Amino acid sequence: KKAMKAEEVRDLTVDQLRDKLASLKKEQFNLRFQKASGQLENTTRMRDVRRDVARVQTILRQKLAAESAA
């Protein structure tokens, strides 16, 4: 999987963002588990997932702030 683009994330609804965040967190956990057991081959995926989590959280926060301001 490739890293997500901010435009892709912005097109998602708040519920979709929450679902995406949950799946990214699950993937992040699995990657950490693989790393600890020495099975992780694609170490750059960890960085990509961490950045995707941050990207989704940021846009989710922006959307929620916009909703509460409206």
C-alpha atoms as a PDB file:
ATOM      1  CA  LYS A   1       0.000   0.000   0.000  1.00  0.00           C
ATOM      2  CA  LYS A   2       1.115   3.531  -0.698  1.00  0.00           C
ATOM      3  CA  ALA A   3       0.818   6.478   1.641  1.00  0.00           C
ATOM      4  CA  MET A   4      -2.444   8.367   1.373  1.00  0.00           C
ATOM      5  CA  LYS A   5      -2.677  11.804  -0.136  1.00  0.00           C
ATOM      6  CA  ALA A   6      -4.265  14.634   1.840  1.00  0.00           C
ATOM      7  CA  GLU A   7      -6.822  15.210  -0.949  1.00  0.00           C
ATOM      8  CA  GLU A   8      -7.980  11.583  -0.654  1.00  0.00           C
ATOM      9  CA  VAL A   9      -8.427  11.990   3.091  1.00  0.00           C
ATOM     10  CA  ARG A  10     -10.297  15.305   2.781  1.00  0.00           C
ATOM     11  CA  ASP A  11     -12.914  13.660   0.529  1.00  0.00           C
ATOM     12  CA  LEU A  12     -13.906  11.231   3.305  1.00  0.00           C
ATOM     13  CA  THR A  13     -16.765  11.826   5.745  1.00  0.00           C
ATOM     14  CA  VAL A  14     -16.189  12.032   9.509  1.00  0.00           C
ATOM     15  CA  ASP A  15     -17.429   8.441   9.951  1.00  0.00           C
ATOM     16  CA  GLN A  16     -15.167   7.217   7.154  1.00  0.00           C
ATOM     17  CA  LEU A  17     -12.234   9.038   8.746  1.00  0.00           C
ATOM     18  CA  ARG A  18     -12.913   7.328  12.075  1.00  0.00           C
ATOM     19  CA  ASP A  19     -13.055   3.922  10.349  1.00  0.00           C
ATOM     20  CA  LYS A  20      -9.829   4.680   8.465  1.00  0.00           C
ATOM     21  CA  LEU A  21      -8.127   5.734  11.687  1.00  0.00           C
ATOM     22  CA  ALA A  22      -9.155   2.484  13.387  1.00  0.00           C
ATOM     23  CA  SER A  23      -7.809   0.358  10.525  1.00  0.00           C
ATOM     24  CA  LEU A  24      -4.541   2.333  10.437  1.00  0.00           C
ATOM     25  CA  LYS A  25      -4.101   1.895  14.198  1.00  0.00           C
ATOM     26  CA  LYS A  26      -4.690  -1.848  13.788  1.00  0.00           C
ATOM     27  CA  GLU A  27      -2.126  -2.010  10.973  1.00  0.00           C
ATOM     28  CA  GLN A  28       0.320   0.004  13.078  1.00  0.00           C
ATOM     29  CA  PHE A  29      -0.082  -2.498  15.939  1.00  0.00           C
ATOM     30  CA  ASN A  30       0.496  -5.431  13.575  1.00  0.00           C
ATOM     31  CA  LEU A  31       3.610  -3.793  12.119  1.00  0.00           C
ATOM     32  CA  ARG A  32       5.028  -3.190  15.615  1.00  0.00           C
ATOM     33  CA  PHE A  33       4.320  -6.813  16.473  1.00  0.00           C
ATOM     34  CA  GLN A  34       6.113  -8.000  13.295  1.00  0.00           C
ATOM     35  CA  LYS A  35       9.079  -5.759  14.064  1.00  0.00           C
ATOM     36  CA  ALA A  36       9.360  -7.106  17.605  1.00  0.00           C
ATOM     37  CA  SER A  37       9.288 -10.694  16.361  1.00  0.00           C
ATOM     38  CA  GLY A  38      11.800  -9.978  13.586  1.00  0.00           C
ATOM     39  CA  GLN A  39       9.356 -10.649  10.733  1.00  0.00           C
ATOM     40  CA  LEU A  40       9.044  -7.098   9.385  1.00  0.00           C
ATOM     41  CA  GLU A  41      10.512  -6.745   5.903  1.00  0.00           C
ATOM     42  CA  ASN A  42       9.139  -3.395   4.724  1.00  0.00           C
ATOM     43  CA  THR A  43      10.248  -1.020   7.482  1.00  0.00           C
ATOM     44  CA  THR A  44       9.243   2.082   5.505  1.00  0.00           C
ATOM     45  CA  ARG A  45       5.611   0.987   5.844  1.00  0.00           C
ATOM     46  CA  MET A  46       5.805   1.820   9.566  1.00  0.00           C
ATOM     47  CA  ARG A  47       6.716   5.425   8.758  1.00  0.00           C
ATOM     48  CA  ASP A  48       3.997   5.666   6.104  1.00  0.00           C
ATOM     49  CA  VAL A  49       1.331   4.348   8.484  1.00  0.00           C
ATOM     50  CA  ARG A  50       2.456   6.703  11.263  1.00  0.00           C
ATOM     51  CA  ARG A  51       2.195   9.659   8.889  1.00  0.00           C
ATOM     52  CA  ASP A  52      -1.178   8.473   7.549  1.00  0.00           C
ATOM     53  CA  VAL A  53      -2.477   8.302  11.131  1.00  0.00           C
ATOM     54  CA  ALA A  54      -1.318  11.874  11.732  1.00  0.00           C
ATOM     55  CA  ARG A  55      -2.852  13.026   8.436  1.00  0.00           C
ATOM     56  CA  VAL A  56      -6.227  11.431   9.207  1.00  0.00           C
ATOM     57  CA  GLN A  57      -6.247  12.793  12.771  1.00  0.00           C
ATOM     58  CA  THR A  58      -5.447  16.311  11.574  1.00  0.00           C
ATOM     59  CA  ILE A  59      -8.184  16.380   8.925  1.00  0.00           C
ATOM     60  CA  LEU A  60     -10.694  14.730  11.285  1.00  0.00           C
ATOM     61  CA  ARG A  61      -9.942  17.439  13.869  1.00  0.00           C
ATOM     62  CA  GLN A  62     -10.376  20.156  11.221  1.00  0.00           C
ATOM     63  CA  LYS A  63     -13.727  18.731  10.076  1.00  0.00           C
ATOM     64  CA  LEU A  64     -15.018  18.428  13.643  1.00  0.00           C
ATOM     65  CA  ALA A  65     -13.921  22.001  14.408  1.00  0.00           C
ATOM     66  CA  ALA A  66     -15.691  23.240  11.272  1.00  0.00           C
ATOM     67  CA  GLU A  67     -18.872  21.392  12.264  1.00  0.00           C
ATOM     68  CA  SER A  68     -18.918  22.827  15.762  1.00  0.00           C
ATOM     69  CA  ALA A  69     -18.236  26.336  14.425  1.00  0.00           C
ATOM     70  CA  ALA A  70     -21.138  26.125  11.969  1.00  0.00           C
END
